[in-house]
Structures are given as structure tokens and as C-alpha cells.
Protein backbone atom coordinates (compact mmCIF):
# COMPACT_ATOMS: atom_id res chain seq x y z
CA UNK A 1 -13.96 5.07 -9.43
CA UNK A 2 -13.45 8.73 -8.57
CA UNK A 3 -12.78 9.83 -5.04
CA UNK A 4 -13.76 13.15 -3.52
CA UNK A 5 -10.81 15.45 -4.18
CA UNK A 6 -10.96 17.27 -0.84
CA UNK A 7 -11.19 15.85 2.65
CA UNK A 8 -14.72 16.30 3.96
CA UNK A 9 -16.04 16.28 7.53
CA UNK A 10 -19.65 15.16 7.26
CA UNK A 11 -20.36 13.17 10.44
CA UNK A 12 -19.16 13.01 14.01
CA UNK A 13 -19.15 9.32 14.83
CA UNK A 14 -16.18 8.78 17.11
CA UNK A 15 -16.67 5.52 18.98
CA UNK A 16 -13.36 4.31 20.31
CA UNK A 17 -11.19 7.34 20.94
CA UNK A 18 -13.94 9.21 22.79
CA UNK A 19 -13.33 6.92 25.75
CA UNK A 20 -9.68 7.91 25.96
CA UNK A 21 -9.63 11.52 24.73
CA UNK A 22 -9.43 13.01 28.20
CA UNK A 23 -6.14 11.22 28.79
CA UNK A 24 -4.86 12.56 26.72
CA UNK A 25 9.88 19.33 -10.12
CA UNK A 26 8.11 20.45 -13.19
CA UNK A 27 4.79 22.29 -12.93
CA UNK A 28 1.69 20.32 -13.82
CA UNK A 29 0.48 21.54 -17.20
CA UNK A 30 -1.73 20.40 -20.02
CA UNK A 31 -4.86 19.68 -17.97
CA UNK A 32 -7.65 21.89 -16.70
CA UNK A 33 -7.53 23.25 -13.18
CA UNK A 34 -9.89 21.67 -10.67
CA UNK A 35 -13.21 23.55 -10.26
CA UNK A 36 -14.65 24.49 -6.90
CA UNK A 37 -16.18 21.57 -5.03
CA UNK A 38 -19.95 21.21 -5.35
CA UNK A 39 -22.14 20.86 -2.25
CA UNK A 40 -22.78 17.24 -1.29
CA UNK A 41 -26.20 15.82 -0.68
CA UNK A 42 -27.06 14.90 2.92
CA UNK A 43 -26.17 11.34 3.87
CA UNK A 44 -28.79 8.76 4.62
CA UNK A 45 -29.64 8.26 8.27
CA UNK A 46 -28.31 4.71 8.10
CA UNK A 47 -24.80 6.07 7.61
CA UNK A 48 -24.87 7.42 11.15
CA UNK A 49 -25.74 4.09 12.76
CA UNK A 50 -23.00 2.97 15.16
CA UNK A 51 -20.92 -0.01 14.17
CA UNK A 52 -20.87 -3.17 16.23
CA UNK A 53 -17.26 -3.50 17.30
CA UNK A 54 -15.57 -5.42 20.11
CA UNK A 55 -15.28 -3.57 23.42
CA UNK A 56 -12.14 -1.57 24.11
CA UNK A 57 -9.85 -2.97 26.79
CA UNK A 58 -6.56 -1.82 28.28
CA UNK A 59 -6.70 1.62 26.63
CA UNK A 60 -3.71 3.83 27.37
CA UNK A 61 -3.01 7.33 26.09
CA UNK A 62 0.10 9.48 26.18
CA UNK A 63 0.29 13.13 25.15
CA UNK A 64 3.41 13.50 22.99
CA UNK A 65 2.99 17.22 22.35
CA UNK A 66 0.16 19.75 22.43
CA UNK A 67 -2.40 18.33 20.00
CA UNK A 68 -0.63 14.97 19.56
CA UNK A 69 -1.83 11.88 21.43
CA UNK A 70 -0.68 8.29 21.11
CA UNK A 71 -3.32 5.78 22.19
CA UNK A 72 -2.97 2.01 22.37
CA UNK A 73 -5.79 -0.38 23.13
CA UNK A 74 -6.94 -3.96 22.80
CA UNK A 75 -9.99 -5.04 20.82
CA UNK A 76 -11.68 -8.43 21.08
CA UNK A 77 -10.23 -11.46 22.77
CA UNK A 78 -8.55 -14.79 22.13
CA UNK A 79 -11.40 -17.17 21.33
CA UNK A 80 -11.83 -20.67 22.72
CA UNK A 81 -12.14 -21.95 19.13
CA UNK A 82 -8.86 -20.39 17.95
CA UNK A 83 -6.51 -23.17 16.89
CA UNK A 84 -3.67 -24.08 14.59
CA UNK A 85 -4.54 -26.14 11.53
CA UNK A 86 -2.89 -27.69 8.50
CA UNK A 87 -3.84 -25.81 5.33
CA UNK A 88 -3.45 -28.00 2.23
CA UNK A 89 -2.69 -26.36 -1.12
CA UNK A 90 -4.62 -27.13 -4.28
CA UNK A 91 -3.26 -27.51 -7.84
CA UNK A 92 -4.31 -24.97 -10.45
CA UNK A 93 -5.40 -27.73 -12.85
CA UNK A 94 -7.30 -30.97 -12.31
CA UNK A 95 -4.24 -33.08 -13.18
CA UNK A 96 -1.74 -30.86 -11.38
CA UNK A 97 0.65 -32.53 -8.93
CA UNK A 98 -0.42 -32.28 -5.31
CA UNK A 99 3.11 -32.10 -3.94
CA UNK A 100 3.82 -28.88 -5.83
CA UNK A 101 0.39 -27.28 -5.52
CA UNK A 102 0.48 -23.54 -4.77
CA UNK A 103 -3.16 -22.37 -4.58
CA UNK A 104 -4.42 -21.72 -1.05
CA UNK A 105 -8.01 -22.13 -2.26
CA UNK A 106 -9.91 -23.13 -5.36
CA UNK A 107 -13.29 -24.03 -6.78
CA UNK A 108 -15.37 -26.43 -4.71
CA UNK A 109 -14.84 -29.24 -7.23
CA UNK A 110 -11.05 -28.90 -6.94
CA UNK A 111 -11.19 -28.70 -3.14
CA UNK A 112 -13.34 -31.85 -3.01
CA UNK A 113 -10.86 -33.58 -5.31
CA UNK A 114 -7.93 -32.78 -2.99
CA UNK A 115 -9.95 -33.76 0.07
CA UNK A 116 -10.78 -37.11 -1.53
CA UNK A 117 -7.11 -37.75 -2.26
CA UNK A 118 -6.27 -36.95 1.37
CA UNK A 119 -8.93 -39.33 2.66
CA UNK A 120 -7.46 -42.05 0.48
CA UNK A 121 -4.19 -41.55 2.38
CA UNK A 122 -5.89 -41.86 5.78
CA UNK A 123 -6.37 -38.19 6.64
CA UNK A 124 -9.62 -36.52 7.75
CA UNK A 125 -9.80 -33.21 5.85
CA UNK A 126 -12.53 -30.64 5.94
CA UNK A 127 -13.56 -28.38 3.06
CA UNK A 128 -14.43 -24.81 4.08
CA UNK A 129 -16.01 -22.02 2.05
CA UNK A 130 -14.24 -18.64 1.96
CA UNK A 131 -16.47 -15.59 1.59
CA UNK A 132 -15.28 -12.21 0.37
CA UNK A 133 -17.15 -9.19 1.76
CA UNK A 134 -18.82 -6.59 -0.41
CA UNK A 135 -16.66 -3.72 -1.60
CA UNK A 136 -17.64 -0.50 -3.35
CA UNK A 137 -16.94 -2.01 -6.77
CA UNK A 138 -17.43 -5.73 -6.10
CA UNK A 139 -20.34 -7.62 -4.54
CA UNK A 140 -19.94 -10.10 -1.71
CA UNK A 141 -19.76 -13.75 -2.60
CA UNK A 142 -17.80 -16.98 -2.48
CA UNK A 143 -14.11 -16.49 -3.20
CA UNK A 144 -13.27 -20.19 -3.10
CA UNK A 145 -12.91 -23.27 -0.94
CA UNK A 146 -10.05 -24.36 1.31
CA UNK A 147 -8.92 -27.80 2.48
CA UNK A 148 -7.74 -28.16 6.07
CA UNK A 149 -6.81 -30.91 8.50
CA UNK A 150 -7.05 -30.95 12.29
CA UNK A 151 -7.16 -28.38 15.08
CA UNK A 152 -4.09 -28.12 17.26
CA UNK A 153 -3.37 -26.23 20.46
CA UNK A 154 0.02 -24.96 19.32
CA UNK A 155 2.04 -24.43 16.16
CA UNK A 156 4.50 -27.23 16.94
CA UNK A 157 1.73 -29.83 16.88
CA UNK A 158 0.41 -28.40 13.60
CA UNK A 159 3.92 -28.43 12.13
CA UNK A 160 4.34 -32.09 13.03
CA UNK A 161 1.01 -32.90 11.36
CA UNK A 162 2.04 -30.88 8.29
CA UNK A 163 5.18 -33.01 7.99
CA UNK A 164 2.99 -36.10 7.74
CA UNK A 165 0.82 -34.47 5.09
CA UNK A 166 3.88 -33.52 3.06
CA UNK A 167 5.34 -37.00 3.39
CA UNK A 168 2.09 -38.31 1.87
CA UNK A 169 2.67 -36.18 -1.24
CA UNK A 170 0.79 -32.94 -0.53
CA UNK A 171 1.86 -29.30 -0.17
CA UNK A 172 0.66 -26.80 2.37
CA UNK A 173 1.45 -24.82 5.51
CA UNK A 174 0.10 -24.13 8.97
CA UNK A 175 -2.49 -21.46 9.72
CA UNK A 176 -3.90 -19.93 12.89
CA UNK A 177 -7.68 -19.77 12.54
CA UNK A 178 -7.99 -16.46 14.40
CA UNK A 179 -6.19 -14.87 11.44
CA UNK A 180 -8.80 -16.00 8.90
CA UNK A 181 -10.40 -12.54 8.95
CA UNK A 182 -13.88 -13.90 9.66
CA UNK A 183 -14.10 -13.31 13.42
CA UNK A 184 -15.17 -9.73 14.24
CA UNK A 185 -14.20 -10.40 17.86
CA UNK A 186 -10.65 -11.58 17.10
CA UNK A 187 -7.92 -10.22 19.35
CA UNK A 188 -6.36 -7.01 17.98
CA UNK A 189 -3.69 -4.63 19.30
CA UNK A 190 -4.29 -1.14 17.94
CA UNK A 191 -1.99 1.89 18.07
CA UNK A 192 -3.28 5.34 17.11
CA UNK A 193 -1.49 8.65 16.64
CA UNK A 194 -4.04 11.46 16.61
CA UNK A 195 -2.89 14.92 15.55
CA UNK A 196 -4.95 18.06 16.04
CA UNK A 197 -3.33 20.71 13.85
CA UNK A 198 -5.34 23.39 15.63
CA UNK A 199 -3.00 22.80 18.58
CA UNK A 200 0.03 21.13 17.03
CA UNK A 201 2.46 23.60 15.43
CA UNK A 202 4.60 21.00 13.66
CA UNK A 203 4.19 19.36 10.30
CA UNK A 204 3.72 15.98 8.64
CA UNK A 205 6.22 15.07 5.91
CA UNK A 206 7.45 12.12 3.92
CA UNK A 207 11.07 11.05 4.13
CA UNK A 208 13.40 8.33 2.87
CA UNK A 209 17.03 7.29 3.25
CA UNK A 210 20.03 9.04 1.69
CA UNK A 211 18.55 8.14 -1.71
CA UNK A 212 15.38 6.41 -2.88
CA UNK A 213 17.22 3.19 -3.66
CA UNK A 214 19.04 3.03 -0.31
CA UNK A 215 16.45 2.04 2.26
CA UNK A 216 16.57 2.61 6.01
CA UNK A 217 14.52 1.59 9.03
CA UNK A 218 11.86 3.90 10.42
CA UNK A 219 13.47 4.29 13.86
CA UNK A 220 16.73 5.45 12.26
CA UNK A 221 14.98 7.90 9.93
CA UNK A 222 12.87 9.30 12.74
CA UNK A 223 15.86 9.75 15.03
CA UNK A 224 17.96 11.39 12.32
CA UNK A 225 15.15 13.83 11.51
CA UNK A 226 14.36 14.62 15.15
CA UNK A 227 10.79 13.47 14.48
CA UNK A 228 8.15 13.30 17.18
CA UNK A 229 6.58 10.16 15.69
CA UNK A 230 6.18 8.27 12.44
CA UNK A 231 4.77 5.30 10.55
CA UNK A 232 5.70 3.37 7.43
CA UNK A 233 4.24 4.62 4.16
CA UNK A 234 4.56 3.25 0.60
CA UNK A 235 5.18 -0.13 -0.99
CA UNK A 236 8.57 -0.82 -2.51
CA UNK A 237 10.35 -3.51 -4.55
CA UNK A 238 13.68 -3.76 -6.38
CA UNK A 239 14.78 -0.61 -4.49
CA UNK A 240 11.96 1.41 -6.09
CA UNK A 241 8.87 3.10 -4.69
CA UNK A 242 5.78 1.46 -6.16
CA UNK A 243 3.33 4.01 -7.47
CA UNK A 244 3.20 7.78 -7.54
CA UNK A 245 5.63 9.49 -5.18
CA UNK A 246 5.97 13.26 -5.11
CA UNK A 247 8.10 14.85 -2.41
CA UNK A 248 8.17 18.61 -1.98
CA UNK A 249 6.96 19.04 -5.54
CA UNK A 250 9.51 16.71 -7.14
CA UNK A 251 8.10 13.78 -9.11
CA UNK A 252 10.19 10.82 -7.95
CA UNK A 253 8.06 7.87 -9.08
CA UNK A 254 5.31 7.56 -11.69
CA UNK A 255 1.78 6.45 -10.85
CA UNK A 256 0.27 3.03 -10.88
CA UNK A 257 -2.47 4.43 -13.07
CA UNK A 258 -5.70 5.02 -11.21
CA UNK A 259 -4.73 3.70 -7.79
CA UNK A 260 -5.52 5.54 -4.59
CA UNK A 261 -3.17 7.96 -2.90
CA UNK A 262 -2.97 10.85 -0.49
CA UNK A 263 -1.77 14.38 -1.22
CA UNK A 264 -0.33 16.51 1.59
CA UNK A 265 -0.16 20.30 1.41
CA UNK A 266 0.21 23.10 3.97
CA UNK A 267 2.84 21.18 5.91
CA UNK A 268 0.69 18.07 5.99
CA UNK A 269 -2.27 19.94 7.47
CA UNK A 270 -4.40 19.48 4.33
CA UNK A 271 -5.00 15.99 2.96
CA UNK A 272 -6.57 14.97 -0.34
CA UNK A 273 -7.41 11.29 -0.73
CA UNK A 274 -8.03 10.60 -4.39
CA UNK A 275 -6.98 8.41 -7.30
CA UNK A 276 -3.99 9.53 -9.36
CA UNK A 277 -2.43 9.05 -12.77
CA UNK A 278 0.67 10.45 -14.44
CA UNK A 279 1.29 11.48 -18.03
CA UNK A 280 4.99 11.99 -18.80
CA UNK A 281 6.36 12.56 -22.29
CA UNK A 282 9.63 13.45 -23.98
CA UNK A 283 9.78 15.32 -27.26
CA UNK A 284 12.65 15.68 -29.70
CA UNK A 285 12.21 17.45 -33.02
CA UNK A 286 8.70 16.67 -34.19
CA UNK A 287 8.47 13.34 -32.38
CA UNK A 288 7.01 12.63 -28.94
CA UNK A 289 7.46 9.50 -26.84
CA UNK A 290 5.91 8.33 -23.57
CA UNK A 291 8.17 8.11 -20.54
CA UNK A 292 6.99 4.91 -18.89
CA UNK A 293 8.39 5.38 -15.41
CA UNK A 294 10.66 7.27 -13.05
CA UNK A 295 13.36 5.75 -10.84
CA UNK A 296 12.71 2.06 -11.47
CA UNK A 297 14.17 -0.77 -13.54
CA UNK A 298 13.15 -0.40 -17.21
CA UNK A 299 10.88 -3.19 -18.40
CA UNK A 300 9.67 -4.18 -14.92
CA UNK A 301 6.42 -2.64 -13.68
CA UNK A 302 5.60 -3.78 -10.15
CA UNK A 303 1.88 -3.57 -9.33
CA UNK A 304 1.28 -3.18 -13.09
CA UNK A 305 -0.98 -0.24 -14.02
CA UNK A 306 1.57 1.22 -16.40
CA UNK A 307 1.42 2.73 -19.88
CA UNK A 308 2.30 1.33 -23.28
CA UNK A 309 2.18 -2.38 -24.01
CA UNK A 310 2.66 -3.90 -20.57
CA UNK A 311 2.07 -7.63 -20.15
CA UNK A 312 -0.02 -9.36 -18.96
CA UNK A 313 -2.17 -6.33 -18.10
CA UNK A 314 -2.18 -2.56 -17.75
CA UNK A 315 -4.77 -2.76 -14.99
CA UNK A 316 -3.38 -2.36 -11.46
CA UNK A 317 -2.55 -5.73 -9.88
CA UNK A 318 -1.01 -5.49 -6.45
CA UNK A 319 2.19 -7.52 -5.95
CA UNK A 320 2.32 -8.55 -9.63
CA UNK A 321 5.29 -7.64 -11.83
CA UNK A 322 4.23 -6.76 -15.35
CA UNK A 323 6.79 -6.40 -18.12
CA UNK A 324 7.33 -4.24 -21.20
CA UNK A 325 10.17 -4.87 -23.64
CA UNK A 326 10.15 -1.28 -24.90
CA UNK A 327 10.36 1.47 -22.28
CA UNK A 328 11.89 4.82 -21.37
CA UNK A 329 12.53 5.43 -17.68
CA UNK A 330 13.79 8.66 -16.18
CA UNK A 331 16.30 8.67 -13.31
CA UNK A 332 16.75 11.64 -11.00
CA UNK A 333 19.62 12.38 -8.58
CA UNK A 334 17.48 10.91 -5.78
CA UNK A 335 18.43 7.48 -7.19
CA UNK A 336 22.09 6.80 -6.53
CA UNK A 337 22.90 3.83 -8.76
CA UNK A 338 20.70 3.37 -11.85
CA UNK A 339 20.68 -0.15 -13.35
CA UNK A 340 23.23 -1.06 -16.01
CA UNK A 341 22.66 -3.03 -19.21
CA UNK A 342 22.00 -2.96 -22.91
CA UNK A 343 19.88 -0.28 -24.51
CA UNK A 344 20.38 3.47 -24.79
CA UNK A 345 20.80 6.39 -22.44
CA UNK A 346 21.03 10.15 -22.53
CA UNK A 347 22.31 12.42 -19.79
CA UNK A 348 20.42 15.69 -19.30
CA UNK A 349 21.35 18.85 -17.43
CA UNK A 350 18.92 20.83 -15.29
CA UNK A 351 17.45 22.39 -18.46
CA UNK A 352 16.88 18.96 -20.09
CA UNK A 353 19.70 19.61 -22.54
CA UNK A 354 21.54 16.49 -23.74
CA UNK A 355 25.11 16.40 -22.45
CA UNK A 356 25.90 12.79 -23.42
CA UNK A 357 24.45 9.93 -25.49
CA UNK A 358 25.30 6.32 -24.55
CA UNK A 359 24.59 2.96 -26.17
CA UNK A 360 24.60 1.26 -22.77
CA UNK A 361 22.83 2.16 -19.53
CA UNK A 362 24.06 2.99 -16.04
CA UNK A 363 25.23 6.62 -15.82
CA UNK A 364 24.64 8.46 -12.56
CA UNK A 365 22.20 11.38 -12.91
CA UNK A 366 24.00 14.74 -12.54
CA UNK A 367 23.07 17.16 -9.77
CA UNK A 368 19.97 19.05 -10.86
CA UNK A 369 19.67 16.94 -14.02
CA UNK A 370 18.53 13.44 -14.94
CA UNK A 371 19.10 10.53 -17.28
CA UNK A 372 16.74 8.73 -19.65
CA UNK A 373 17.26 4.99 -19.98
CA UNK A 374 15.61 3.13 -22.84
CA UNK A 375 15.28 -0.50 -23.88
CA UNK A 376 13.92 -2.26 -26.97
CA UNK A 377 12.28 -0.16 -29.65
CA UNK A 378 12.35 2.85 -27.34
CA UNK A 379 16.15 2.66 -27.30
CA UNK A 380 16.17 2.94 -31.09
CA UNK A 381 13.88 5.99 -30.85
CA UNK A 382 16.08 7.66 -28.24
CA UNK A 383 19.26 7.17 -30.28
CA UNK A 384 17.54 8.46 -33.42
CA UNK A 385 16.11 11.62 -31.86
CA UNK A 386 18.31 12.71 -28.95
CA UNK A 387 21.31 14.68 -30.17
CA UNK A 388 24.08 15.99 -27.95
CA UNK A 389 23.49 19.67 -27.22
CA UNK A 390 19.79 19.50 -28.12
CA UNK A 391 17.15 20.33 -25.54
CA UNK A 392 14.46 17.72 -25.02
CA UNK A 393 10.88 18.67 -24.17
CA UNK A 394 9.90 16.75 -21.05
CA UNK A 395 6.38 17.32 -19.77
CA UNK A 396 5.26 15.83 -16.46
CA UNK A 397 1.61 15.88 -15.41
CA UNK A 398 -0.07 14.45 -12.34
CA UNK A 399 -3.85 14.12 -12.67
CA UNK A 400 -6.45 13.48 -9.98
CA UNK A 401 -9.44 11.18 -10.29
CA UNK A 402 -11.43 13.84 -12.16
CA UNK A 403 -8.66 14.37 -14.70
CA UNK A 404 -7.62 17.77 -13.33
CA UNK A 405 -3.99 18.79 -13.06
CA UNK A 406 -2.45 18.65 -9.61
CA UNK A 407 -0.04 21.58 -9.09
CA UNK A 408 3.34 20.27 -7.99
CA UNK A 409 4.43 23.06 -5.69
CA UNK A 410 7.23 22.87 -3.14
CA UNK A 411 4.52 22.26 -0.53
CA UNK A 412 3.10 19.20 -2.34
CA UNK A 413 3.77 15.60 -1.34
CA UNK A 414 1.82 12.66 -2.79
CA UNK A 415 2.12 9.05 -1.67
CA UNK A 416 0.18 6.50 -3.71
CA UNK A 417 -0.91 3.59 -1.56
CA UNK A 418 -4.39 2.15 -1.04
CA UNK A 419 -6.99 0.93 -1.28
CA UNK A 420 -9.28 3.69 -0.13
CA UNK A 421 -11.15 2.64 3.02
CA UNK A 422 -13.48 5.55 3.88
CA UNK A 423 -15.03 8.27 1.70
CA UNK A 424 -17.23 11.03 3.11
CA UNK A 425 -17.67 9.06 6.32
CA UNK A 426 -18.79 5.89 4.54
CA UNK A 427 -16.93 2.63 4.09
CA UNK A 428 -15.99 2.56 0.40
CA UNK A 429 -13.19 0.19 -0.60
CA UNK A 430 -12.28 0.43 -4.31
CA UNK A 431 -10.99 -3.14 -4.40
CA UNK A 432 -11.23 -3.94 -8.12
CA UNK A 433 -10.11 -0.53 -9.34
CA UNK A 434 -7.19 -0.56 -6.93
CA UNK A 435 -5.99 -3.96 -8.13
CA UNK A 436 -6.19 -5.84 -4.83
CA UNK A 437 -8.58 -8.39 -6.37
CA UNK A 438 -6.43 -10.75 -8.38
CA UNK A 439 -7.30 -11.34 -12.02
CA UNK A 440 -7.60 -14.98 -13.12
CA UNK A 441 -8.68 -18.21 -11.45
CA UNK A 442 -6.07 -18.32 -8.70
CA UNK A 443 -7.36 -16.16 -5.85
CA UNK A 444 -4.63 -17.05 -3.36
CA UNK A 445 -3.38 -13.46 -3.17
CA UNK A 446 -6.88 -12.06 -2.71
CA UNK A 447 -7.51 -14.56 0.06
CA UNK A 448 -4.22 -13.96 1.88
CA UNK A 449 -3.95 -10.17 1.42
CA UNK A 450 -7.54 -8.97 1.31
CA UNK A 451 -9.62 -11.44 3.33
CA UNK A 452 -7.23 -12.79 5.97
CA UNK A 453 -5.96 -10.81 8.92
CA UNK A 454 -2.65 -9.02 8.45
CA UNK A 455 -0.73 -6.22 10.14
CA UNK A 456 -2.08 -2.95 8.75
CA UNK A 457 -1.06 0.70 8.69
CA UNK A 458 -3.77 3.23 7.88
CA UNK A 459 -4.17 6.98 7.52
CA UNK A 460 -7.28 9.06 7.96
CA UNK A 461 -8.93 12.32 8.99
CA UNK A 462 -11.81 12.55 11.47
CA UNK A 463 -14.79 14.89 11.59
CA UNK A 464 -12.79 17.50 13.53
CA UNK A 465 -10.05 17.49 10.89
CA UNK A 466 -7.66 15.57 13.12
CA UNK A 467 -5.12 13.30 11.48
CA UNK A 468 -5.26 9.59 12.39
CA UNK A 469 -2.20 7.39 11.87
CA UNK A 470 -3.10 3.82 12.85
CA UNK A 471 -1.13 0.58 13.13
CA UNK A 472 -2.68 -2.80 13.94
CA UNK A 473 -0.41 -5.72 14.75
CA UNK A 474 -0.99 -9.11 13.14
CA UNK A 475 0.39 -12.57 12.38
CA UNK A 476 1.14 -13.06 16.08
CA UNK A 477 -0.95 -15.84 17.61
CA UNK A 478 -2.28 -14.84 21.02
CA UNK A 479 -1.12 -11.24 20.62
CA UNK A 480 -2.96 -9.80 17.62
CA UNK A 481 -4.70 -11.47 14.70
CA UNK A 482 -4.52 -8.57 12.25
CA UNK A 483 -7.25 -7.28 9.97
CA UNK A 484 -8.58 -7.99 6.53
CA UNK A 485 -9.21 -4.98 4.30
CA UNK A 486 -12.89 -4.83 5.26
CA UNK A 487 -11.96 -5.00 8.93
CA UNK A 488 -9.46 -2.19 8.46
CA UNK A 489 -12.19 -0.01 6.94
CA UNK A 490 -14.56 -0.76 9.83
CA UNK A 491 -11.88 0.09 12.37
CA UNK A 492 -11.13 3.43 10.72
CA UNK A 493 -14.83 4.28 10.64
CA UNK A 494 -15.14 3.35 14.32
CA UNK A 495 -12.30 5.77 15.05
CA UNK A 496 -14.34 8.52 13.44
CA UNK A 497 -12.48 8.72 10.13
CA UNK A 498 -14.27 10.67 7.42
CA UNK A 499 -11.60 9.86 4.86
CA UNK A 500 -9.11 7.00 5.15
CA UNK A 501 -6.89 4.74 3.13
CA UNK A 502 -4.61 1.78 3.61
CA UNK A 503 -0.81 2.17 3.64
CA UNK A 504 1.81 -0.56 3.22
CA UNK A 505 1.33 -3.30 5.80
CA UNK A 506 2.48 -6.77 6.74
CA UNK A 507 6.02 -6.81 8.05
CA UNK A 508 6.36 -3.13 7.10
CA UNK A 509 3.74 -1.98 9.62
CA UNK A 510 5.55 -0.03 12.32
CA UNK A 511 4.98 3.01 14.52
CA UNK A 512 7.64 4.93 16.44
CA UNK A 513 7.57 7.83 18.87
CA UNK A 514 10.40 9.92 20.27
CA UNK A 515 11.75 8.50 23.50
CA UNK A 516 9.74 5.28 23.29
CA UNK A 517 10.99 4.05 19.93
CA UNK A 518 8.96 1.25 18.35
CA UNK A 519 5.56 1.05 20.04
CA UNK A 520 4.04 -1.97 18.25
CA UNK A 521 5.35 -5.47 17.46
CA UNK A 522 6.33 -5.75 13.77
CA UNK A 523 5.54 -9.21 12.43
CA UNK A 524 8.83 -10.13 10.72
CA UNK A 525 10.95 -12.51 12.77
CA UNK A 526 13.99 -10.37 11.88
CA UNK A 527 12.38 -7.23 13.31
CA UNK A 528 11.67 -3.92 11.59
CA UNK A 529 12.16 -3.72 7.85
CA UNK A 530 14.22 -1.36 5.75
CA UNK A 531 11.59 0.88 4.14
CA UNK A 532 11.33 2.80 0.89
CA UNK A 533 9.73 5.87 2.48
CA UNK A 534 7.93 6.86 5.66
CA UNK A 535 5.66 9.51 7.16
CA UNK A 536 7.20 11.58 9.96
CA UNK A 537 5.59 14.01 12.34
CA UNK A 538 8.03 16.87 12.90
CA UNK A 539 7.75 18.99 16.06
CA UNK A 540 8.54 22.17 14.09
CA UNK A 541 9.18 23.32 10.57
CA UNK A 542 12.37 21.29 10.33
CA UNK A 543 12.58 18.41 7.91
CA UNK A 544 13.99 17.54 4.57
């Protein structure tokens, strides 16, 4: 689905923050330029109806700089019915072994089958239906059925019961029911950075460690940059950024085709939330070949959504690794140690002229230049067409959701994340198109990532054009349950967002401010994660 290419301010519903306000690379070519935006039709009156959200408690605001406020508050409460339970896994087939079952939910027939087997062993299971809310491109309905045993006051008691279930030949884990994503009044700890660029003279920028493949923690990056505040940004795996990443006009990672993202221009003061694709080719002589990716391991396409003959799908699938036995991947100097292995490789100078041809992979990209690594049939093509001293024709294009070229100027940064949460002031989650609904019968990922409560980081713009950077804690019983995707969208709308999208979350969700450091409670037991890239609020024009 296509998203509005420019941030719009079409309503003024600001429910939560009102109570606390007083306190405180190559040019894109080969595609048409975007036309002027057309006027939008008035919204229906129903879109202005206030949302029913839990009351705000313990709200605290701190002014970090003129125009920049950090607000923290508590939503909801710990419910009397919140409890720990044993969640029993289900096999993917009727004859699958129970002790190695991996599905967190399944069809009602399969859930009843597992429950019957548990009763035969003396347990008292319950079968519960899991509903998935309506999204912009998927109706509401039954996602599946879970099998659970008992309600326990603490995790230790649930863990002891789980040991008995496992000893009887079943697989599973423990779950805290407040994190099921079904209770609109579940306890949440929310942290909001609100930036009014009419008053704030600094800028918003993306940053990463010394190189893309050497990750660092947000507090260290923020301190080194002298940042006023920051949050985590993009997904990452195998040292690579997952999806389109453009920093200061340099294309550093290719798109997961058609997924959501945000484009920053004018020092981060202008935001475009849209869907993005990339088209990257290399030509030699009269032959042209697709470049499948930038700065990632050839043959491995995390989140899928690639080009060529990727398996099992070319449709975006979050947290799935697709494969392709024939690929060309470009490496830039922002990646310090490209992977080694069989295949072919050419080294290019800053003018894309071939300075070396190798029959193995692993050369370091030269300053200002790059390397092309190829595997499979693409390696044969590269060796047959790339000659030392010849200049290759590399064309890089970034396209928005309407198919128009996005100019990659030195003032352009794009971070592909998602899904979209709010469009034109309306909740509009592009769940299917963004790949967060899992293909196939096993909907465990959809249940755990989309429906259940998790730590979330979100980005948005309100009706006054103010930037909203939001972190919600999760996976901490008694502290904060976390939000499902639908809950994240409702929260952003309640904060007055006119446009908003989801950033990386889970254990990556973290917010820092100068002087205070980490302001939320990241969910990983080991503390804050090493991150692929982040968003930093700089007090002035300084920054990488």
C-alpha cells in the first residue's frame, strides 16, 4: 500500500501530553520526479473521536533544551487477574512429537489434541482463542488457539509447574498474562521525547559505530557525539542493517522492497514516512546485472523482500532469512571486514573503475571506492564482464511508494523500519505489506511479535509538526507489560501523532538523555544491546 509522501498535520487530537505540556552517494536517476501533493479530502468526523485509553499517572516532564521535553508517565495498572501460566507448545503436524513442539499456537483441532494428551497425563489445561486485531490490509479474526495450564502468583511457581509438564513429555515455557496484548488497561511505562523545531536549533541525525559492521551501545554513541538525547533505530543481523539505510546521501544498505521507512531532510526537521524500494544495477559492455544488496552477506537476505530468485519468498517477512545462490553485493568503506569465501570479486575506485579482479572474496573496500562480491552464476557473470581498468556503470535508485525517485542529497537520511502506525492522523498499520504477518500455517511469530506486548520504540510527528520519539518498556512483570502493534498505534494516536511508524523494539528499545543516561529499563537481562544504528538529537549542527 502507498503511504502519503509528505508528513501532514490534519487534526489536533493531543490527549496525553496536553496534561504535562506546561511542565515542560550516487544521485537518484531513472525515475520521474515526484509531483506536487494533491489536496486531501476532509476526514470523517469519526476520525476525531477521542480514544479510550487508561488514565495517565505519575507524569513527569523535564525540559532538556528550548523546544525539547522528555516526559515519562504510567498508563494502566497491574490487574488482579494478572498471573504467570504454563504455555504448552503445539506440534506443526498431527503426528508431531509433543516434546519437541515449537508452535506457540495452532488450529483449534490441534490445540484440543494437545489438551487431550495433557489431560491423559493428569494435567488440567485450558484452550484459549487468540484474536488478531484489524489492520489496514488485513481484517480482524482468529489467529489461532493456545494451550495453557494453571495460574501462578510468581514466575518461580510457574517454572516449577513447567518442569513437571516437560517431564511428562511436552514442550513449552512460562508466560505472564498481562503481556498477552489483550488488556487495554495493562500497566505500561512510557517515555516520550518531544521536539519542537520552531524552538529547538539543533538537528536529528542517524549514527552508528566506527563502521556499520562494528556495533556500539546507544549511551556510548550519544556520549561520543555530544548528543542531547537519542533512541535506537533500525533492525540488524549478521552485522548488517536490515532494510534501506541512507546516511547523508550515501546508500549503505538496500531496501527490503516495499517496507515502510522514514526519510529525514533539513537536519531532521522534515520527515517523510513512506514505503521504499531500491533498484541497483551494474553494467559492463552491453550487459547489465542486478546488484542484490549492499553491505551484507551474499546469499542471505534477512527479512526477505529482495530481488532475483530469493527463496522461499521475495515478499517481506520480518525475522526470516531468505536465501539466493546467485547474488552480487556491493561493499562500501563503511563496512570494515567484508565476508570471505568462494566466488568472485572486483575492487572499484571512486569512479567505479576496476582496479583488481579476484576469484575469491574478502578484500577491504578502498577509501572512496567499493567492492562487488558475487556468488553462484553471478560470479561467473562478474568474471566474464569485469575487466581490470574498465569502468563499470553502477546505477543506484531509491524509489518511494509512488515510484518516484528520491534525491539522495547530502541532507538525506532514510531508515527503513516499520510497520507504519499512523497515516494522516488515522491508525493505518500495513501489516501484510510490511511482512509482520507470517506466511504459512505457523503463526507463532505473528502471535509473539504482533499481538503480544513487547518493548516498543516509535517515531512520529504531531499536528503542530513536533517530533515524537517514544519508548515503551515491556517484558517486565509488574513494571511494564509492553504493547502489541495495534496498541502501539493507539498510543501514538493518543499522543497526537499525525504520522508514525514503529522502530526496532524488544531488547533494543532504549532511550538516553544527556546527564541522565538511560531513562527506561531495557528488557534484556544483560542490559542495553549493541545496536546497528541509532537516532541522535544533536544540540547544534555538529554530528557525523
